[in-house]
């Protein structure tokens, strides 16, 4: 044997492997980030469409007694103000059924909403069914105050 140190083959095949792992990990994280951004954009588009449809339905229901043309015109105006387009507007009595589409990036979801008059108010409760502290104070739950 000669006096030279002997070379070992430890780590010879691992040169540059860390670079490959970093590149693959970075590409994977970028892809996951892109998917999360796309899902967020889709959810935002759906919310915009829903809000526009809700407001347009309320506008149409508010003008329902003036006729379908007037009601749907108001719904179209409100949907346009929200950055959406009115896809469908239908009145059945005094109930408005509206579908709106909002474009947000590559997405264009549609949302449907209905609106009409409020339900009848609940029947009045008698003073006998209300606790005495509430009935004596005109609906407030504070104890009555006596004035001399």
N, C-alpha and C. Protein backbone atom coordinates (compact mmCIF):
# COMPACT_ATOMS: atom_id res chain seq x y z
N UNK A 1 0.81 -1.18 0.00
CA UNK A 1 0.00 0.00 0.00
C UNK A 1 0.86 1.25 0.00
N UNK A 2 0.30 2.23 -0.64
CA UNK A 2 1.03 3.48 -0.69
C UNK A 2 0.60 4.37 0.45
N UNK A 3 1.26 5.44 0.64
CA UNK A 3 0.96 6.34 1.73
C UNK A 3 -0.16 7.32 1.43
N UNK A 4 -0.78 7.20 0.31
CA UNK A 4 -1.85 8.12 -0.03
C UNK A 4 -3.12 7.75 0.73
N UNK A 5 -3.93 8.79 1.09
CA UNK A 5 -5.20 8.46 1.76
C UNK A 5 -6.16 7.83 0.76
N UNK A 6 -6.89 6.94 1.23
CA UNK A 6 -7.83 6.21 0.39
C UNK A 6 -9.12 7.01 0.24
N UNK A 7 -9.64 7.12 -0.98
CA UNK A 7 -10.87 7.85 -1.23
C UNK A 7 -12.05 6.90 -1.06
N UNK A 8 -13.08 7.43 -0.42
CA UNK A 8 -14.30 6.62 -0.27
C UNK A 8 -15.34 7.16 -1.22
N UNK A 9 -16.31 6.37 -1.54
CA UNK A 9 -17.34 6.76 -2.49
C UNK A 9 -18.57 7.33 -1.76
N UNK A 10 -18.46 7.71 -0.54
CA UNK A 10 -19.58 8.24 0.21
C UNK A 10 -20.01 9.59 -0.36
N UNK A 11 -21.31 9.72 -0.71
CA UNK A 11 -21.88 10.97 -1.17
C UNK A 11 -21.60 11.30 -2.61
N UNK A 12 -20.97 10.44 -3.37
CA UNK A 12 -20.65 10.75 -4.75
C UNK A 12 -21.92 10.89 -5.58
N UNK A 13 -22.96 10.04 -5.36
CA UNK A 13 -24.21 10.11 -6.14
C UNK A 13 -25.19 11.16 -5.64
N UNK A 14 -24.88 11.84 -4.54
CA UNK A 14 -25.81 12.81 -3.95
C UNK A 14 -25.53 14.24 -4.38
N UNK A 15 -24.58 14.48 -5.22
CA UNK A 15 -24.25 15.83 -5.62
C UNK A 15 -25.40 16.44 -6.41
N UNK A 16 -25.90 17.60 -5.97
CA UNK A 16 -26.99 18.29 -6.65
C UNK A 16 -28.38 17.83 -6.25
N UNK A 17 -28.48 16.84 -5.37
CA UNK A 17 -29.80 16.33 -4.98
C UNK A 17 -30.60 17.36 -4.19
N UNK A 18 -29.94 18.15 -3.38
CA UNK A 18 -30.65 19.19 -2.61
C UNK A 18 -31.27 20.22 -3.55
N UNK A 19 -30.60 20.53 -4.61
CA UNK A 19 -31.13 21.48 -5.58
C UNK A 19 -32.41 20.95 -6.22
N UNK A 20 -32.42 19.67 -6.54
CA UNK A 20 -33.60 19.06 -7.13
C UNK A 20 -34.75 19.08 -6.13
N UNK A 21 -34.48 18.74 -4.87
CA UNK A 21 -35.53 18.74 -3.85
C UNK A 21 -36.10 20.14 -3.65
N UNK A 22 -35.25 21.14 -3.62
CA UNK A 22 -35.72 22.52 -3.46
C UNK A 22 -36.57 22.94 -4.65
N UNK A 23 -36.15 22.58 -5.86
CA UNK A 23 -36.92 22.94 -7.05
C UNK A 23 -38.28 22.26 -7.07
N UNK A 24 -38.34 20.98 -6.71
CA UNK A 24 -39.61 20.24 -6.69
C UNK A 24 -40.53 20.80 -5.61
N UNK A 25 -39.97 21.07 -4.44
CA UNK A 25 -40.78 21.62 -3.35
C UNK A 25 -41.32 23.00 -3.70
N UNK A 26 -40.49 23.83 -4.30
CA UNK A 26 -40.93 25.16 -4.70
C UNK A 26 -42.04 25.09 -5.75
N UNK A 27 -41.88 24.22 -6.72
CA UNK A 27 -42.91 24.06 -7.76
C UNK A 27 -44.22 23.55 -7.15
N UNK A 28 -44.13 22.63 -6.22
CA UNK A 28 -45.33 22.10 -5.56
C UNK A 28 -46.03 23.19 -4.76
N UNK A 29 -45.27 23.97 -4.01
CA UNK A 29 -45.88 25.05 -3.22
C UNK A 29 -46.51 26.11 -4.12
N UNK A 30 -45.89 26.40 -5.23
CA UNK A 30 -46.48 27.37 -6.18
C UNK A 30 -47.79 26.83 -6.75
N UNK A 31 -47.84 25.53 -7.06
CA UNK A 31 -49.06 24.94 -7.59
C UNK A 31 -50.18 24.97 -6.55
N UNK A 32 -49.85 24.65 -5.30
CA UNK A 32 -50.85 24.68 -4.23
C UNK A 32 -51.34 26.11 -4.02
N UNK A 33 -50.44 27.07 -4.05
CA UNK A 33 -50.82 28.48 -3.90
C UNK A 33 -51.74 28.92 -5.03
N UNK A 34 -51.45 28.50 -6.25
CA UNK A 34 -52.31 28.86 -7.39
C UNK A 34 -53.70 28.26 -7.24
N UNK A 35 -53.80 27.03 -6.75
CA UNK A 35 -55.11 26.40 -6.55
C UNK A 35 -55.89 27.14 -5.46
N UNK A 36 -55.22 27.51 -4.39
CA UNK A 36 -55.89 28.24 -3.31
C UNK A 36 -56.38 29.60 -3.81
N UNK A 37 -55.58 30.29 -4.61
CA UNK A 37 -56.02 31.57 -5.17
C UNK A 37 -57.22 31.40 -6.10
N UNK A 38 -57.20 30.36 -6.91
CA UNK A 38 -58.32 30.11 -7.83
C UNK A 38 -59.60 29.81 -7.05
N UNK A 39 -59.49 29.01 -5.99
CA UNK A 39 -60.67 28.71 -5.17
C UNK A 39 -61.19 29.97 -4.48
N UNK A 40 -60.29 30.79 -4.01
CA UNK A 40 -60.71 32.05 -3.39
C UNK A 40 -61.42 32.96 -4.37
N UNK A 41 -60.93 33.01 -5.59
CA UNK A 41 -61.55 33.83 -6.62
C UNK A 41 -62.94 33.28 -6.98
N UNK A 42 -63.07 31.96 -7.03
CA UNK A 42 -64.38 31.36 -7.33
C UNK A 42 -65.38 31.65 -6.21
N UNK A 43 -64.93 31.57 -4.98
CA UNK A 43 -65.82 31.85 -3.84
C UNK A 43 -66.23 33.33 -3.85
N UNK A 44 -65.29 34.22 -4.14
CA UNK A 44 -65.62 35.64 -4.21
C UNK A 44 -66.63 35.92 -5.32
N UNK A 45 -66.46 35.25 -6.45
CA UNK A 45 -67.41 35.43 -7.56
C UNK A 45 -68.80 34.95 -7.16
N UNK A 46 -68.88 33.85 -6.47
CA UNK A 46 -70.17 33.32 -6.03
C UNK A 46 -70.84 34.27 -5.04
N UNK A 47 -70.07 34.85 -4.16
CA UNK A 47 -70.64 35.80 -3.20
C UNK A 47 -71.13 37.07 -3.89
N UNK A 48 -70.38 37.55 -4.88
CA UNK A 48 -70.83 38.73 -5.62
C UNK A 48 -72.14 38.45 -6.35
N UNK A 49 -72.23 37.28 -6.97
CA UNK A 49 -73.47 36.92 -7.68
C UNK A 49 -74.64 36.81 -6.70
N UNK A 50 -74.41 36.21 -5.55
CA UNK A 50 -75.46 36.07 -4.55
C UNK A 50 -75.94 37.40 -4.01
N UNK A 51 -75.00 38.29 -3.74
CA UNK A 51 -75.38 39.62 -3.23
C UNK A 51 -76.16 40.40 -4.28
N UNK A 52 -75.71 40.33 -5.53
CA UNK A 52 -76.42 41.04 -6.60
C UNK A 52 -77.82 40.48 -6.79
N UNK A 53 -77.96 39.15 -6.73
CA UNK A 53 -79.28 38.54 -6.88
C UNK A 53 -80.20 38.91 -5.73
N UNK A 54 -79.68 38.93 -4.51
CA UNK A 54 -80.49 39.30 -3.35
C UNK A 54 -81.01 40.73 -3.48
N UNK A 55 -80.11 41.65 -3.80
CA UNK A 55 -80.53 43.05 -3.91
C UNK A 55 -81.48 43.27 -5.08
N UNK A 56 -81.24 42.58 -6.19
CA UNK A 56 -82.13 42.72 -7.34
C UNK A 56 -83.51 42.17 -7.03
N UNK A 57 -83.58 41.07 -6.30
CA UNK A 57 -84.87 40.49 -5.92
C UNK A 57 -85.63 41.43 -4.99
N UNK A 58 -84.92 42.05 -4.07
CA UNK A 58 -85.58 43.01 -3.17
C UNK A 58 -86.10 44.21 -3.95
N UNK A 59 -85.33 44.69 -4.92
CA UNK A 59 -85.78 45.81 -5.74
C UNK A 59 -87.01 45.43 -6.56
N UNK A 60 -87.00 44.23 -7.12
CA UNK A 60 -88.15 43.79 -7.92
C UNK A 60 -89.38 43.60 -7.04
N UNK A 61 -89.21 43.04 -5.85
CA UNK A 61 -90.34 42.85 -4.95
C UNK A 61 -90.91 44.19 -4.48
N UNK A 62 -90.04 45.17 -4.34
CA UNK A 62 -90.49 46.49 -3.91
C UNK A 62 -91.37 47.14 -4.98
N UNK A 63 -91.12 46.86 -6.23
CA UNK A 63 -91.88 47.45 -7.33
C UNK A 63 -92.88 46.47 -7.95
N UNK A 64 -93.14 45.35 -7.30
CA UNK A 64 -94.00 44.31 -7.87
C UNK A 64 -95.40 44.81 -8.16
N UNK A 65 -95.93 45.70 -7.34
CA UNK A 65 -97.29 46.20 -7.54
C UNK A 65 -97.40 47.13 -8.75
N UNK A 66 -96.27 47.60 -9.27
CA UNK A 66 -96.27 48.48 -10.44
C UNK A 66 -96.22 47.71 -11.75
N UNK A 67 -96.07 46.39 -11.67
CA UNK A 67 -96.04 45.56 -12.87
C UNK A 67 -94.69 44.91 -13.09
N UNK A 68 -94.69 43.87 -13.91
CA UNK A 68 -93.48 43.09 -14.14
C UNK A 68 -92.40 43.90 -14.86
N UNK A 69 -92.80 44.75 -15.79
CA UNK A 69 -91.82 45.54 -16.55
C UNK A 69 -91.08 46.50 -15.63
N UNK A 70 -91.81 47.19 -14.79
CA UNK A 70 -91.21 48.14 -13.85
C UNK A 70 -90.35 47.40 -12.83
N UNK A 71 -90.86 46.28 -12.31
CA UNK A 71 -90.13 45.53 -11.28
C UNK A 71 -88.83 44.96 -11.84
N UNK A 72 -88.90 44.35 -13.01
CA UNK A 72 -87.70 43.75 -13.60
C UNK A 72 -86.72 44.83 -14.07
N UNK A 73 -87.22 45.99 -14.45
CA UNK A 73 -86.34 47.11 -14.79
C UNK A 73 -85.55 47.57 -13.57
N UNK A 74 -86.22 47.63 -12.44
CA UNK A 74 -85.52 48.02 -11.20
C UNK A 74 -84.50 46.95 -10.81
N UNK A 75 -84.86 45.68 -10.99
CA UNK A 75 -83.93 44.59 -10.67
C UNK A 75 -82.70 44.66 -11.59
N UNK A 76 -82.91 44.94 -12.87
CA UNK A 76 -81.80 45.04 -13.83
C UNK A 76 -80.87 46.20 -13.46
N UNK A 77 -81.46 47.32 -13.05
CA UNK A 77 -80.67 48.48 -12.66
C UNK A 77 -79.83 48.20 -11.42
N UNK A 78 -80.43 47.55 -10.43
CA UNK A 78 -79.71 47.24 -9.19
C UNK A 78 -78.62 46.21 -9.45
N UNK A 79 -78.91 45.18 -10.24
CA UNK A 79 -77.89 44.18 -10.55
C UNK A 79 -76.72 44.82 -11.30
N UNK A 80 -77.02 45.72 -12.22
CA UNK A 80 -75.96 46.42 -12.95
C UNK A 80 -75.11 47.27 -12.04
N UNK A 81 -75.73 47.91 -11.05
CA UNK A 81 -74.98 48.72 -10.10
C UNK A 81 -74.04 47.87 -9.24
N UNK A 82 -74.37 46.58 -9.10
CA UNK A 82 -73.53 45.66 -8.34
C UNK A 82 -72.47 45.00 -9.20
N UNK A 83 -72.41 45.35 -10.47
CA UNK A 83 -71.42 44.75 -11.36
C UNK A 83 -71.84 43.39 -11.87
N UNK A 84 -73.14 43.12 -11.88
CA UNK A 84 -73.66 41.83 -12.34
C UNK A 84 -74.66 42.08 -13.46
N UNK A 85 -75.06 41.02 -14.10
CA UNK A 85 -76.10 41.13 -15.12
C UNK A 85 -77.30 40.30 -14.71
N UNK A 86 -78.48 40.79 -15.03
CA UNK A 86 -79.71 40.07 -14.71
C UNK A 86 -79.94 39.01 -15.78
N UNK A 87 -80.00 37.76 -15.36
CA UNK A 87 -80.20 36.66 -16.29
C UNK A 87 -81.68 36.36 -16.45
N UNK A 88 -82.41 36.40 -15.33
CA UNK A 88 -83.83 36.06 -15.37
C UNK A 88 -84.55 36.84 -14.28
N UNK A 89 -85.75 37.29 -14.61
CA UNK A 89 -86.59 37.99 -13.64
C UNK A 89 -88.01 37.53 -13.87
N UNK A 90 -88.64 37.06 -12.82
CA UNK A 90 -90.01 36.56 -12.94
C UNK A 90 -90.80 37.00 -11.71
N UNK A 91 -92.00 37.48 -11.95
CA UNK A 91 -92.90 37.85 -10.86
C UNK A 91 -94.05 36.87 -10.83
N UNK A 92 -94.33 36.39 -9.64
CA UNK A 92 -95.49 35.54 -9.44
C UNK A 92 -96.27 36.17 -8.29
N UNK A 93 -97.29 36.93 -8.65
CA UNK A 93 -98.01 37.71 -7.65
C UNK A 93 -97.10 38.84 -7.19
N UNK A 94 -96.84 38.89 -5.90
CA UNK A 94 -95.93 39.91 -5.39
C UNK A 94 -94.59 39.33 -4.96
N UNK A 95 -94.27 38.14 -5.43
CA UNK A 95 -92.99 37.49 -5.14
C UNK A 95 -92.10 37.56 -6.38
N UNK A 96 -90.90 38.08 -6.21
CA UNK A 96 -89.94 38.22 -7.31
C UNK A 96 -88.94 37.07 -7.24
N UNK A 97 -88.68 36.45 -8.38
CA UNK A 97 -87.70 35.38 -8.51
C UNK A 97 -86.66 35.86 -9.52
N UNK A 98 -85.43 36.08 -9.05
CA UNK A 98 -84.40 36.73 -9.86
C UNK A 98 -83.15 35.85 -9.91
N UNK A 99 -82.51 35.80 -11.07
CA UNK A 99 -81.21 35.13 -11.23
C UNK A 99 -80.23 36.16 -11.79
N UNK A 100 -79.07 36.27 -11.14
CA UNK A 100 -78.05 37.23 -11.56
C UNK A 100 -76.73 36.50 -11.80
N UNK A 101 -75.92 37.05 -12.71
CA UNK A 101 -74.60 36.48 -13.02
C UNK A 101 -73.56 37.57 -12.79
N UNK A 102 -72.53 37.22 -12.03
CA UNK A 102 -71.44 38.16 -11.78
C UNK A 102 -70.16 37.58 -12.36
N UNK A 103 -69.48 38.36 -13.17
CA UNK A 103 -68.21 37.92 -13.76
C UNK A 103 -67.08 38.40 -12.86
N UNK A 104 -66.22 37.47 -12.51
CA UNK A 104 -65.09 37.77 -11.64
C UNK A 104 -63.93 36.91 -12.11
N UNK A 105 -63.00 37.52 -12.81
CA UNK A 105 -61.91 36.74 -13.39
C UNK A 105 -62.46 35.78 -14.43
N UNK A 106 -62.00 34.54 -14.41
CA UNK A 106 -62.49 33.58 -15.40
C UNK A 106 -63.83 32.96 -15.01
N UNK A 107 -64.36 33.34 -13.88
CA UNK A 107 -65.58 32.72 -13.36
C UNK A 107 -66.79 33.61 -13.63
N UNK A 108 -67.94 32.97 -13.87
CA UNK A 108 -69.20 33.70 -14.07
C UNK A 108 -70.34 32.90 -13.45
N UNK A 109 -70.36 32.80 -12.12
CA UNK A 109 -71.43 32.03 -11.47
C UNK A 109 -72.76 32.78 -11.50
N UNK A 110 -73.82 32.01 -11.44
CA UNK A 110 -75.17 32.56 -11.35
C UNK A 110 -75.73 32.25 -9.98
N UNK A 111 -76.54 33.15 -9.48
CA UNK A 111 -77.19 32.95 -8.19
C UNK A 111 -78.66 33.33 -8.33
N UNK A 112 -79.50 32.59 -7.65
CA UNK A 112 -80.94 32.82 -7.69
C UNK A 112 -81.41 33.31 -6.33
N UNK A 113 -82.35 34.23 -6.35
CA UNK A 113 -82.88 34.76 -5.09
C UNK A 113 -84.36 35.08 -5.26
N UNK A 114 -85.08 34.92 -4.18
CA UNK A 114 -86.51 35.24 -4.17
C UNK A 114 -86.77 36.24 -3.07
N UNK A 115 -87.72 37.13 -3.32
CA UNK A 115 -88.11 38.12 -2.31
C UNK A 115 -89.59 38.43 -2.49
N UNK A 116 -90.21 38.76 -1.39
CA UNK A 116 -91.61 39.10 -1.40
C UNK A 116 -91.97 39.88 -0.15
N UNK A 117 -93.24 40.08 0.07
CA UNK A 117 -93.65 40.83 1.26
C UNK A 117 -93.36 40.01 2.52
N UNK A 118 -93.21 40.69 3.64
CA UNK A 118 -92.96 39.96 4.88
C UNK A 118 -94.19 39.16 5.29
N UNK A 119 -93.96 38.15 6.08
CA UNK A 119 -95.06 37.34 6.60
C UNK A 119 -95.89 38.18 7.57
N UNK A 120 -97.09 37.74 7.84
CA UNK A 120 -97.97 38.46 8.77
C UNK A 120 -97.32 38.48 10.16
N UNK A 121 -97.47 39.59 10.87
CA UNK A 121 -96.87 39.66 12.21
C UNK A 121 -97.53 38.64 13.14
N UNK A 122 -96.80 38.16 14.12
CA UNK A 122 -97.38 37.20 15.05
C UNK A 122 -98.52 37.84 15.85
N UNK A 123 -99.43 37.01 16.32
CA UNK A 123 -100.56 37.50 17.09
C UNK A 123 -100.06 38.18 18.37
N UNK A 124 -100.77 39.22 18.76
CA UNK A 124 -100.41 39.95 19.97
C UNK A 124 -100.55 39.04 21.19
N UNK A 125 -99.61 39.14 22.09
CA UNK A 125 -99.69 38.37 23.33
C UNK A 125 -100.44 39.20 24.36
N UNK A 126 -101.20 38.55 25.14
CA UNK A 126 -101.95 39.27 26.18
C UNK A 126 -101.05 39.55 27.36
N UNK A 127 -101.46 40.48 28.19
CA UNK A 127 -100.68 40.85 29.37
C UNK A 127 -100.64 39.71 30.36
N UNK A 128 -101.58 38.79 30.29
CA UNK A 128 -101.60 37.67 31.22
C UNK A 128 -100.46 36.70 30.95
N UNK A 129 -99.99 36.60 29.72
CA UNK A 129 -98.94 35.64 29.41
C UNK A 129 -97.54 36.23 29.55
N UNK A 130 -97.45 37.53 29.84
CA UNK A 130 -96.16 38.19 29.97
C UNK A 130 -95.88 38.38 31.44
N UNK A 131 -94.65 38.17 31.90
CA UNK A 131 -94.35 38.38 33.33
C UNK A 131 -94.71 39.80 33.75
N UNK A 132 -95.09 39.93 34.99
CA UNK A 132 -95.62 41.21 35.47
C UNK A 132 -94.62 42.34 35.36
N UNK A 133 -93.34 42.10 35.54
CA UNK A 133 -92.38 43.20 35.44
C UNK A 133 -92.30 43.72 34.01
N UNK A 134 -92.51 42.86 33.03
CA UNK A 134 -92.47 43.30 31.64
C UNK A 134 -93.79 44.00 31.28
N UNK A 135 -94.92 43.45 31.70
CA UNK A 135 -96.23 44.02 31.37
C UNK A 135 -96.42 45.38 32.03
N UNK A 136 -95.92 45.57 33.25
CA UNK A 136 -96.11 46.82 33.97
C UNK A 136 -95.23 47.94 33.43
N UNK A 137 -94.15 47.63 32.74
CA UNK A 137 -93.22 48.67 32.31
C UNK A 137 -93.32 48.93 30.81
N UNK A 138 -94.37 48.49 30.17
CA UNK A 138 -94.55 48.76 28.75
C UNK A 138 -93.61 47.95 27.87
N UNK A 139 -93.25 46.76 28.28
CA UNK A 139 -92.41 45.90 27.46
C UNK A 139 -90.95 45.89 27.89
N UNK A 140 -90.54 46.81 28.79
CA UNK A 140 -89.16 46.77 29.25
C UNK A 140 -89.05 45.78 30.38
N UNK A 141 -87.88 45.21 30.55
CA UNK A 141 -87.71 44.21 31.61
C UNK A 141 -87.19 44.83 32.91
N UNK A 142 -87.21 46.14 33.01
CA UNK A 142 -86.77 46.81 34.24
C UNK A 142 -87.92 46.82 35.25
N UNK A 143 -87.60 46.82 36.53
CA UNK A 143 -88.68 46.90 37.51
C UNK A 143 -89.33 48.29 37.44
N UNK A 144 -90.62 48.39 37.75
CA UNK A 144 -91.30 49.68 37.68
C UNK A 144 -90.73 50.66 38.70
N UNK A 145 -90.73 51.95 38.33
CA UNK A 145 -90.25 53.00 39.21
C UNK A 145 -91.45 53.80 39.65
N UNK A 146 -91.59 54.00 40.97
CA UNK A 146 -92.73 54.76 41.51
C UNK A 146 -92.35 56.21 41.63
N UNK A 147 -93.23 57.09 41.23
CA UNK A 147 -93.01 58.53 41.36
C UNK A 147 -93.92 59.04 42.46
N UNK A 148 -93.41 59.78 43.49
CA UNK A 148 -94.29 60.26 44.59
C UNK A 148 -95.22 61.38 44.16
